[in-house]
Amino acid sequence: MSQRIGFVDFNLENFHADVYLKLLRGELATRGFDVVGATALEEEPSRVWAEKNDVPYYDNIAALDAQVDFYAVLAPSNPETHEELCRRVFPCAKPTYVDKTFAPDLATAERIFALADEYGVAMQSSSALRYTNVQRHLAEQENSSPLHMVTWGGGSSFAEYAIHPLELAISCMGADVERLARRSHGDYSQLLLDFSGGRTAVVNIYTNTSTPFAAALTTAQGSEYLAVDSSAIFRDTAAAMLDLFASGQTSIDRRETLAIRRILDAAETTATLAEFVEL
């Protein structure tokens, strides 16, 4: 018998709902999980998506909950809806994955974690850029703690896509970011990060450009450039979601998730354009 996942969304008509459903029915089908139902805030287009993809649609969480063992809260382009969706799902006390960007601001992120704790929910969130060949390469190296890192990423807007090159950096360097400065609020933007122990990173967000994801790592052994293999990042993110469901244990330090949101909040202020700001 397959283990049952429910999709919860703002509007199911989005790329992440499509790609995760395809992976769970295709490359990851042997894991034994299936999407057996869905619900969304925008009902009409979501019903169309559900019918098109042969996924039962439910009017509310209570009806969906009777059918599922786990939840995937999606809405990747609408993080402002994540808190409301989590408030509906967490009382069901089932392991839950929350898509990127986790929350629209730090205060909301902290409330979502507190709510998960209140109901004893194993919950984690990440960008797909947490699961790349860069992290795997770093883990395979001896004395691999990065002293400095540079990451690059594109996308249509800073608000929606800055998380990707930032998650790439934080997942490699950890949560202990002490201060931040930013260059430019335009399409070519850089975040300058100072970490504990004198470590540093530069996160480049080049929106409305053709900028593939990439990283440069500096360790005690030297520096090297790594292009991100984007062909497998959604598969590996979905696999990590299934690991959460199978084990009931989170694998992401929430300090990193909160650090990412803290950085994004600070980066949106004008103060970081003038000087380094303590985080």
C-alpha atoms as a PDB file:
ATOM      1  CA  MET A   1       0.000   0.000   0.000  1.00  0.00           C
ATOM      2  CA  SER A   2       1.391   3.394  -0.992  1.00  0.00           C
ATOM      3  CA  GLN A   3       1.941   6.144   1.541  1.00  0.00           C
ATOM      4  CA  ARG A   4      -0.422   9.010   0.874  1.00  0.00           C
ATOM      5  CA  ILE A   5       0.494  12.661   0.257  1.00  0.00           C
ATOM      6  CA  GLY A   6      -1.877  15.603   0.097  1.00  0.00           C
ATOM      7  CA  PHE A   7      -0.984  18.743  -1.856  1.00  0.00           C
ATOM      8  CA  VAL A   8      -2.091  21.998  -0.234  1.00  0.00           C
ATOM      9  CA  ASP A   9      -1.675  25.133  -2.315  1.00  0.00           C
ATOM     10  CA  PHE A  10      -2.725  28.650  -3.138  1.00  0.00           C
ATOM     11  CA  ASN A  11      -3.382  27.688  -6.753  1.00  0.00           C
ATOM     12  CA  LEU A  12      -2.408  24.208  -7.914  1.00  0.00           C
ATOM     13  CA  GLU A  13      -1.734  25.469 -11.414  1.00  0.00           C
ATOM     14  CA  ASN A  14       2.016  25.996 -10.897  1.00  0.00           C
ATOM     15  CA  PHE A  15       5.332  24.478 -11.912  1.00  0.00           C
ATOM     16  CA  HIS A  16       6.142  22.893  -8.561  1.00  0.00           C
ATOM     17  CA  ALA A  17       2.821  21.046  -8.308  1.00  0.00           C
ATOM     18  CA  ASP A  18       3.421  19.740 -11.833  1.00  0.00           C
ATOM     19  CA  VAL A  19       7.032  18.696 -11.367  1.00  0.00           C
ATOM     20  CA  TYR A  20       6.604  17.047  -7.955  1.00  0.00           C
ATOM     21  CA  LEU A  21       3.548  15.100  -9.122  1.00  0.00           C
ATOM     22  CA  LYS A  22       5.456  13.932 -12.201  1.00  0.00           C
ATOM     23  CA  LEU A  23       8.452  12.851 -10.104  1.00  0.00           C
ATOM     24  CA  LEU A  24       6.331  10.974  -7.566  1.00  0.00           C
ATOM     25  CA  ARG A  25       4.600   9.113 -10.389  1.00  0.00           C
ATOM     26  CA  GLY A  26       7.812   8.623 -12.360  1.00  0.00           C
ATOM     27  CA  GLU A  27      11.430   8.609 -11.175  1.00  0.00           C
ATOM     28  CA  LEU A  28      10.488   8.339  -7.490  1.00  0.00           C
ATOM     29  CA  ALA A  29       7.569   5.945  -7.865  1.00  0.00           C
ATOM     30  CA  THR A  30       9.579   3.096  -6.335  1.00  0.00           C
ATOM     31  CA  ARG A  31       9.685   5.007  -3.035  1.00  0.00           C
ATOM     32  CA  GLY A  32       6.057   3.997  -2.545  1.00  0.00           C
ATOM     33  CA  PHE A  33       4.409   7.423  -2.153  1.00  0.00           C
ATOM     34  CA  ASP A  34       1.432   8.755  -4.068  1.00  0.00           C
ATOM     35  CA  VAL A  35      -0.440  12.062  -4.240  1.00  0.00           C
ATOM     36  CA  VAL A  36      -3.984  10.981  -3.359  1.00  0.00           C
ATOM     37  CA  GLY A  37      -5.637  14.364  -2.920  1.00  0.00           C
ATOM     38  CA  ALA A  38      -5.299  18.124  -3.014  1.00  0.00           C
ATOM     39  CA  THR A  39      -6.959  21.335  -1.925  1.00  0.00           C
ATOM     40  CA  ALA A  40      -6.231  25.004  -2.548  1.00  0.00           C
ATOM     41  CA  LEU A  41      -7.310  28.532  -1.686  1.00  0.00           C
ATOM     42  CA  GLU A  42      -8.112  29.357  -5.318  1.00  0.00           C
ATOM     43  CA  GLU A  43     -10.629  26.622  -5.953  1.00  0.00           C
ATOM     44  CA  GLU A  44     -11.738  26.970  -9.553  1.00  0.00           C
ATOM     45  CA  PRO A  45      -8.348  26.776 -11.352  1.00  0.00           C
ATOM     46  CA  SER A  46      -7.160  24.207  -8.818  1.00  0.00           C
ATOM     47  CA  ARG A  47     -10.105  21.927  -9.558  1.00  0.00           C
ATOM     48  CA  VAL A  48      -9.212  22.158 -13.245  1.00  0.00           C
ATOM     49  CA  TRP A  49      -5.601  21.195 -12.441  1.00  0.00           C
ATOM     50  CA  ALA A  50      -6.734  18.288 -10.261  1.00  0.00           C
ATOM     51  CA  GLU A  51      -9.061  16.902 -12.909  1.00  0.00           C
ATOM     52  CA  LYS A  52      -6.426  17.290 -15.618  1.00  0.00           C
ATOM     53  CA  ASN A  53      -3.894  15.398 -13.489  1.00  0.00           C
ATOM     54  CA  ASP A  54      -6.257  12.759 -12.084  1.00  0.00           C
ATOM     55  CA  VAL A  55      -5.835  13.943  -8.491  1.00  0.00           C
ATOM     56  CA  PRO A  56      -8.952  13.943  -6.270  1.00  0.00           C
ATOM     57  CA  TYR A  57      -9.845  17.474  -5.184  1.00  0.00           C
ATOM     58  CA  TYR A  58     -11.243  18.151  -1.708  1.00  0.00           C
ATOM     59  CA  ASP A  59     -13.132  21.229  -0.571  1.00  0.00           C
ATOM     60  CA  ASN A  60     -11.290  21.536   2.726  1.00  0.00           C
ATOM     61  CA  ILE A  61      -8.500  20.168   4.890  1.00  0.00           C
ATOM     62  CA  ALA A  62     -10.840  18.079   7.039  1.00  0.00           C
ATOM     63  CA  ALA A  63     -12.031  16.121   4.014  1.00  0.00           C
ATOM     64  CA  LEU A  64      -8.502  15.779   2.648  1.00  0.00           C
ATOM     65  CA  ASP A  65      -7.030  14.751   5.996  1.00  0.00           C
ATOM     66  CA  ALA A  66      -9.085  11.570   6.125  1.00  0.00           C
ATOM     67  CA  GLN A  67      -7.276  10.407   2.988  1.00  0.00           C
ATOM     68  CA  VAL A  68      -3.617  11.345   3.580  1.00  0.00           C
ATOM     69  CA  ASP A  69      -0.626  10.588   5.780  1.00  0.00           C
ATOM     70  CA  PHE A  70       1.557  13.595   4.882  1.00  0.00           C
ATOM     71  CA  TYR A  71       1.249  17.127   3.544  1.00  0.00           C
ATOM     72  CA  ALA A  72       3.166  19.139   0.970  1.00  0.00           C
ATOM     73  CA  VAL A  73       2.325  22.822   1.331  1.00  0.00           C
ATOM     74  CA  LEU A  74       3.301  24.287  -2.030  1.00  0.00           C
ATOM     75  CA  ALA A  75       2.379  27.834  -3.202  1.00  0.00           C
ATOM     76  CA  PRO A  76       6.001  28.504  -4.291  1.00  0.00           C
ATOM     77  CA  SER A  77       5.159  31.943  -5.682  1.00  0.00           C
ATOM     78  CA  ASN A  78       2.877  32.915  -2.796  1.00  0.00           C
ATOM     79  CA  PRO A  79       4.744  32.608   0.510  1.00  0.00           C
ATOM     80  CA  GLU A  80       2.323  35.134   2.008  1.00  0.00           C
ATOM     81  CA  THR A  81      -0.222  32.275   2.076  1.00  0.00           C
ATOM     82  CA  HIS A  82       2.020  29.739   3.830  1.00  0.00           C
ATOM     83  CA  GLU A  83       1.085  30.748   7.368  1.00  0.00           C
ATOM     84  CA  GLU A  84      -2.642  30.393   6.666  1.00  0.00           C
ATOM     85  CA  LEU A  85      -2.121  27.065   4.904  1.00  0.00           C
ATOM     86  CA  CYS A  86       0.016  25.796   7.780  1.00  0.00           C
ATOM     87  CA  ARG A  87      -2.607  26.907  10.305  1.00  0.00           C
ATOM     88  CA  ARG A  88      -5.066  24.679   8.476  1.00  0.00           C
ATOM     89  CA  VAL A  89      -2.705  21.710   8.142  1.00  0.00           C
ATOM     90  CA  PHE A  90      -0.638  21.568  11.359  1.00  0.00           C
ATOM     91  CA  PRO A  91      -3.549  20.632  13.676  1.00  0.00           C
ATOM     92  CA  CYS A  92      -3.660  17.351  11.720  1.00  0.00           C
ATOM     93  CA  ALA A  93      -0.234  16.586  13.291  1.00  0.00           C
ATOM     94  CA  LYS A  94       1.254  14.954  10.199  1.00  0.00           C
ATOM     95  CA  PRO A  95       4.765  15.453   8.749  1.00  0.00           C
ATOM     96  CA  THR A  96       4.691  18.462   6.446  1.00  0.00           C
ATOM     97  CA  TYR A  97       6.972  19.898   3.783  1.00  0.00           C
ATOM     98  CA  VAL A  98       6.622  23.646   3.122  1.00  0.00           C
ATOM     99  CA  ASP A  99       7.852  24.878  -0.242  1.00  0.00           C
ATOM    100  CA  LYS A 100      10.143  27.838  -0.861  1.00  0.00           C
ATOM    101  CA  THR A 101      10.123  30.713  -0.005  1.00  0.00           C
ATOM    102  CA  PHE A 102       9.207  29.558   3.507  1.00  0.00           C
ATOM    103  CA  ALA A 103       7.666  32.834   4.698  1.00  0.00           C
ATOM    104  CA  PRO A 104       7.358  36.465   3.559  1.00  0.00           C
ATOM    105  CA  ASP A 105       9.268  37.759   6.608  1.00  0.00           C
ATOM    106  CA  LEU A 106      11.115  36.580   9.704  1.00  0.00           C
ATOM    107  CA  ALA A 107       8.243  37.144  12.133  1.00  0.00           C
ATOM    108  CA  THR A 108       5.975  34.922  10.041  1.00  0.00           C
ATOM    109  CA  ALA A 109       8.684  32.267   9.751  1.00  0.00           C
ATOM    110  CA  GLU A 110       9.058  32.189  13.531  1.00  0.00           C
ATOM    111  CA  ARG A 111       5.286  31.884  13.975  1.00  0.00           C
ATOM    112  CA  ILE A 112       5.127  28.951  11.564  1.00  0.00           C
ATOM    113  CA  PHE A 113       7.877  27.102  13.431  1.00  0.00           C
ATOM    114  CA  ALA A 114       6.157  27.832  16.756  1.00  0.00           C
ATOM    115  CA  LEU A 115       2.895  26.493  15.380  1.00  0.00           C
ATOM    116  CA  ALA A 116       4.618  23.322  14.167  1.00  0.00           C
ATOM    117  CA  ASP A 117       6.078  22.853  17.641  1.00  0.00           C
ATOM    118  CA  GLU A 118       2.681  23.431  19.240  1.00  0.00           C
ATOM    119  CA  TYR A 119       1.176  20.542  17.283  1.00  0.00           C
ATOM    120  CA  GLY A 120       4.291  18.349  17.297  1.00  0.00           C
ATOM    121  CA  VAL A 121       4.637  18.502  13.507  1.00  0.00           C
ATOM    122  CA  ALA A 122       7.867  17.430  11.824  1.00  0.00           C
ATOM    123  CA  MET A 123       8.191  20.241   9.295  1.00  0.00           C
ATOM    124  CA  GLN A 124      10.938  21.533   7.049  1.00  0.00           C
ATOM    125  CA  SER A 125      11.322  23.910   4.140  1.00  0.00           C
ATOM    126  CA  SER A 126      13.953  24.531   1.512  1.00  0.00           C
ATOM    127  CA  SER A 127      14.776  25.787  -1.917  1.00  0.00           C
ATOM    128  CA  ALA A 128      15.762  23.153  -4.466  1.00  0.00           C
ATOM    129  CA  LEU A 129      19.267  24.675  -4.392  1.00  0.00           C
ATOM    130  CA  ARG A 130      19.923  22.919  -1.075  1.00  0.00           C
ATOM    131  CA  TYR A 131      20.248  19.650  -3.012  1.00  0.00           C
ATOM    132  CA  THR A 132      22.918  20.030  -5.688  1.00  0.00           C
ATOM    133  CA  ASN A 133      26.238  18.660  -6.821  1.00  0.00           C
ATOM    134  CA  VAL A 134      27.905  21.566  -4.960  1.00  0.00           C
ATOM    135  CA  GLN A 135      26.876  20.300  -1.514  1.00  0.00           C
ATOM    136  CA  ARG A 136      27.749  16.727  -2.496  1.00  0.00           C
ATOM    137  CA  HIS A 137      31.168  17.777  -3.743  1.00  0.00           C
ATOM    138  CA  LEU A 138      31.859  19.708  -0.549  1.00  0.00           C
ATOM    139  CA  ALA A 139      30.857  16.742   1.616  1.00  0.00           C
ATOM    140  CA  GLU A 140      33.294  14.498  -0.244  1.00  0.00           C
ATOM    141  CA  GLN A 141      36.305  16.717   0.419  1.00  0.00           C
ATOM    142  CA  GLU A 142      38.683  16.390   3.343  1.00  0.00           C
ATOM    143  CA  ASN A 143      38.995  19.562   5.450  1.00  0.00           C
ATOM    144  CA  SER A 144      36.096  20.868   3.406  1.00  0.00           C
ATOM    145  CA  SER A 145      34.755  23.656   5.631  1.00  0.00           C
ATOM    146  CA  PRO A 146      34.419  26.627   3.271  1.00  0.00           C
ATOM    147  CA  LEU A 147      36.272  29.789   4.186  1.00  0.00           C
ATOM    148  CA  HIS A 148      34.667  31.814   1.396  1.00  0.00           C
ATOM    149  CA  MET A 149      31.935  31.168  -1.116  1.00  0.00           C
ATOM    150  CA  VAL A 150      30.465  32.941  -4.130  1.00  0.00           C
ATOM    151  CA  THR A 151      27.102  31.919  -5.586  1.00  0.00           C
ATOM    152  CA  TRP A 152      25.133  33.037  -8.638  1.00  0.00           C
ATOM    153  CA  GLY A 153      21.492  32.788  -9.614  1.00  0.00           C
ATOM    154  CA  GLY A 154      18.915  34.406 -11.862  1.00  0.00           C
ATOM    155  CA  GLY A 155      15.125  34.551 -11.960  1.00  0.00           C
ATOM    156  CA  SER A 156      12.420  37.087 -12.642  1.00  0.00           C
ATOM    157  CA  SER A 157      12.550  38.962  -9.314  1.00  0.00           C
ATOM    158  CA  PHE A 158      14.661  39.336  -6.173  1.00  0.00           C
ATOM    159  CA  ALA A 159      11.672  38.641  -3.911  1.00  0.00           C
ATOM    160  CA  GLU A 160      10.968  35.231  -5.413  1.00  0.00           C
ATOM    161  CA  TYR A 161      14.363  34.007  -6.606  1.00  0.00           C
ATOM    162  CA  ALA A 162      17.019  35.418  -4.260  1.00  0.00           C
ATOM    163  CA  ILE A 163      16.423  32.440  -1.997  1.00  0.00           C
ATOM    164  CA  HIS A 164      18.054  30.060  -4.491  1.00  0.00           C
ATOM    165  CA  PRO A 165      21.669  31.304  -4.526  1.00  0.00           C
ATOM    166  CA  LEU A 166      21.256  32.240  -0.849  1.00  0.00           C
ATOM    167  CA  GLU A 167      20.143  28.718   0.114  1.00  0.00           C
ATOM    168  CA  LEU A 168      23.104  27.374  -1.843  1.00  0.00           C
ATOM    169  CA  ALA A 169      25.435  29.495   0.303  1.00  0.00           C
ATOM    170  CA  ILE A 170      23.794  28.937   3.697  1.00  0.00           C
ATOM    171  CA  SER A 171      23.452  25.174   3.218  1.00  0.00           C
ATOM    172  CA  CYS A 172      27.216  25.019   2.685  1.00  0.00           C
ATOM    173  CA  MET A 173      28.383  27.612   5.222  1.00  0.00           C
ATOM    174  CA  GLY A 174      25.798  27.357   7.991  1.00  0.00           C
ATOM    175  CA  ALA A 175      23.506  29.682   9.902  1.00  0.00           C
ATOM    176  CA  ASP A 176      26.037  31.847  11.718  1.00  0.00           C
ATOM    177  CA  VAL A 177      25.796  34.987   9.598  1.00  0.00           C
ATOM    178  CA  GLU A 178      26.802  38.033  11.619  1.00  0.00           C
ATOM    179  CA  ARG A 179      26.344  40.961   9.250  1.00  0.00           C
ATOM    180  CA  LEU A 180      25.205  41.863   5.760  1.00  0.00           C
ATOM    181  CA  ALA A 181      25.650  44.543   3.110  1.00  0.00           C
ATOM    182  CA  ARG A 182      24.001  44.783  -0.292  1.00  0.00           C
ATOM    183  CA  ARG A 183      25.118  46.275  -3.580  1.00  0.00           C
ATOM    184  CA  SER A 184      22.287  47.554  -5.824  1.00  0.00           C
ATOM    185  CA  HIS A 185      18.537  47.118  -5.706  1.00  0.00           C
ATOM    186  CA  GLY A 186      18.462  46.652  -9.477  1.00  0.00           C
ATOM    187  CA  ASP A 187      18.720  43.568 -11.651  1.00  0.00           C
ATOM    188  CA  TYR A 188      22.384  43.112 -10.710  1.00  0.00           C
ATOM    189  CA  SER A 189      22.444  42.722  -6.945  1.00  0.00           C
ATOM    190  CA  GLN A 190      25.041  41.336  -4.557  1.00  0.00           C
ATOM    191  CA  LEU A 191      24.709  40.298  -0.921  1.00  0.00           C
ATOM    192  CA  LEU A 192      27.938  40.468   1.076  1.00  0.00           C
ATOM    193  CA  LEU A 193      27.811  38.129   4.068  1.00  0.00           C
ATOM    194  CA  ASP A 194      30.168  37.962   7.028  1.00  0.00           C
ATOM    195  CA  PHE A 195      30.009  34.699   8.971  1.00  0.00           C
ATOM    196  CA  SER A 196      31.467  33.709  12.319  1.00  0.00           C
ATOM    197  CA  GLY A 197      35.150  32.844  12.351  1.00  0.00           C
ATOM    198  CA  GLY A 198      36.037  35.388   9.687  1.00  0.00           C
ATOM    199  CA  ARG A 199      34.304  33.429   6.914  1.00  0.00           C
ATOM    200  CA  THR A 200      32.641  35.313   4.054  1.00  0.00           C
ATOM    201  CA  ALA A 201      30.304  34.875   1.104  1.00  0.00           C
ATOM    202  CA  VAL A 202      29.069  36.854  -1.884  1.00  0.00           C
ATOM    203  CA  VAL A 203      25.611  35.992  -3.221  1.00  0.00           C
ATOM    204  CA  ASN A 204      24.890  37.308  -6.709  1.00  0.00           C
ATOM    205  CA  ILE A 205      21.237  37.666  -7.765  1.00  0.00           C
ATOM    206  CA  TYR A 206      21.071  38.714 -11.408  1.00  0.00           C
ATOM    207  CA  THR A 207      17.376  38.971 -12.248  1.00  0.00           C
ATOM    208  CA  ASN A 208      15.963  39.134 -15.786  1.00  0.00           C
ATOM    209  CA  THR A 209      19.227  37.761 -17.122  1.00  0.00           C
ATOM    210  CA  SER A 210      20.430  34.436 -18.408  1.00  0.00           C
ATOM    211  CA  THR A 211      22.386  33.471 -15.288  1.00  0.00           C
ATOM    212  CA  PRO A 212      22.709  29.770 -14.481  1.00  0.00           C
ATOM    213  CA  PHE A 213      23.194  28.665 -10.882  1.00  0.00           C
ATOM    214  CA  ALA A 214      26.835  28.242  -9.921  1.00  0.00           C
ATOM    215  CA  ALA A 215      29.211  28.469  -6.993  1.00  0.00           C
ATOM    216  CA  ALA A 216      32.868  29.085  -6.235  1.00  0.00           C
ATOM    217  CA  LEU A 217      34.214  27.433  -3.092  1.00  0.00           C
ATOM    218  CA  THR A 218      37.342  28.366  -1.181  1.00  0.00           C
ATOM    219  CA  THR A 219      38.588  25.926   1.439  1.00  0.00           C
ATOM    220  CA  ALA A 220      41.978  25.438   3.065  1.00  0.00           C
ATOM    221  CA  GLN A 221      42.877  23.376   0.002  1.00  0.00           C
ATOM    222  CA  GLY A 222      42.186  26.124  -2.531  1.00  0.00           C
ATOM    223  CA  SER A 223      39.402  27.523  -4.693  1.00  0.00           C
ATOM    224  CA  GLU A 224      37.273  25.951  -7.389  1.00  0.00           C
ATOM    225  CA  TYR A 225      34.292  26.867  -9.527  1.00  0.00           C
ATOM    226  CA  LEU A 226      31.302  24.510  -9.813  1.00  0.00           C
ATOM    227  CA  ALA A 227      28.387  24.874 -12.207  1.00  0.00           C
ATOM    228  CA  VAL A 228      25.170  23.586 -10.665  1.00  0.00           C
ATOM    229  CA  ASP A 229      23.677  20.563 -12.406  1.00  0.00           C
ATOM    230  CA  SER A 230      20.066  21.739 -12.433  1.00  0.00           C
ATOM    231  CA  SER A 231      18.751  18.585 -14.077  1.00  0.00           C
ATOM    232  CA  ALA A 232      18.370  16.720 -10.780  1.00  0.00           C
ATOM    233  CA  ILE A 233      17.617  19.412  -8.197  1.00  0.00           C
ATOM    234  CA  PHE A 234      13.854  18.919  -8.128  1.00  0.00           C
ATOM    235  CA  ARG A 235      14.190  15.146  -8.020  1.00  0.00           C
ATOM    236  CA  ASP A 236      16.580  15.392  -5.085  1.00  0.00           C
ATOM    237  CA  THR A 237      14.388  17.950  -3.301  1.00  0.00           C
ATOM    238  CA  ALA A 238      11.384  15.651  -3.703  1.00  0.00           C
ATOM    239  CA  ALA A 239      13.489  12.741  -2.431  1.00  0.00           C
ATOM    240  CA  ALA A 240      14.403  14.776   0.672  1.00  0.00           C
ATOM    241  CA  MET A 241      10.713  15.508   1.203  1.00  0.00           C
ATOM    242  CA  LEU A 242      10.004  11.771   1.067  1.00  0.00           C
ATOM    243  CA  ASP A 243      12.833  11.160   3.551  1.00  0.00           C
ATOM    244  CA  LEU A 244      11.047  13.535   5.945  1.00  0.00           C
ATOM    245  CA  PHE A 245       7.784  11.673   5.469  1.00  0.00           C
ATOM    246  CA  ALA A 246       9.347   8.211   5.794  1.00  0.00           C
ATOM    247  CA  SER A 247      11.329   8.996   8.943  1.00  0.00           C
ATOM    248  CA  GLY A 248       9.163  11.606  10.615  1.00  0.00           C
ATOM    249  CA  GLN A 249      12.435  13.432  11.336  1.00  0.00           C
ATOM    250  CA  THR A 250      13.591  16.747   9.899  1.00  0.00           C
ATOM    251  CA  SER A 251      16.982  16.922   8.195  1.00  0.00           C
ATOM    252  CA  ILE A 252      17.363  20.708   7.912  1.00  0.00           C
ATOM    253  CA  ASP A 253      18.542  22.863  10.800  1.00  0.00           C
ATOM    254  CA  ARG A 254      15.777  25.412  11.301  1.00  0.00           C
ATOM    255  CA  ARG A 255      18.458  27.943  12.238  1.00  0.00           C
ATOM    256  CA  GLU A 256      19.472  27.930   8.578  1.00  0.00           C
ATOM    257  CA  THR A 257      15.890  28.435   7.391  1.00  0.00           C
ATOM    258  CA  LEU A 258      15.503  31.363   9.781  1.00  0.00           C
ATOM    259  CA  ALA A 259      18.917  32.800   8.848  1.00  0.00           C
ATOM    260  CA  ILE A 260      17.898  32.840   5.196  1.00  0.00           C
ATOM    261  CA  ARG A 261      14.719  34.735   6.011  1.00  0.00           C
ATOM    262  CA  ARG A 262      16.615  37.119   8.328  1.00  0.00           C
ATOM    263  CA  ILE A 263      19.066  37.886   5.508  1.00  0.00           C
ATOM    264  CA  LEU A 264      16.278  38.459   2.979  1.00  0.00           C
ATOM    265  CA  ASP A 265      14.483  40.815   5.363  1.00  0.00           C
ATOM    266  CA  ALA A 266      17.635  42.850   5.977  1.00  0.00           C
ATOM    267  CA  ALA A 267      18.526  42.890   2.281  1.00  0.00           C
ATOM    268  CA  GLU A 268      15.251  44.639   1.480  1.00  0.00           C
ATOM    269  CA  THR A 269      16.163  47.598   3.710  1.00  0.00           C
ATOM    270  CA  THR A 270      17.996  50.649   2.434  1.00  0.00           C
ATOM    271  CA  ALA A 271      20.431  50.559   5.368  1.00  0.00           C
ATOM    272  CA  THR A 272      22.335  47.632   3.855  1.00  0.00           C
ATOM    273  CA  LEU A 273      23.080  49.709   0.747  1.00  0.00           C
ATOM    274  CA  ALA A 274      25.095  52.151   2.857  1.00  0.00           C
ATOM    275  CA  GLU A 275      26.960  49.876   5.286  1.00  0.00           C
ATOM    276  CA  PHE A 276      27.180  46.462   6.860  1.00  0.00           C
ATOM    277  CA  VAL A 277      24.191  45.766   9.123  1.00  0.00           C
ATOM    278  CA  GLU A 278      24.403  43.445  12.115  1.00  0.00           C
ATOM    279  CA  LEU A 279      22.013  40.483  11.944  1.00  0.00           C
END
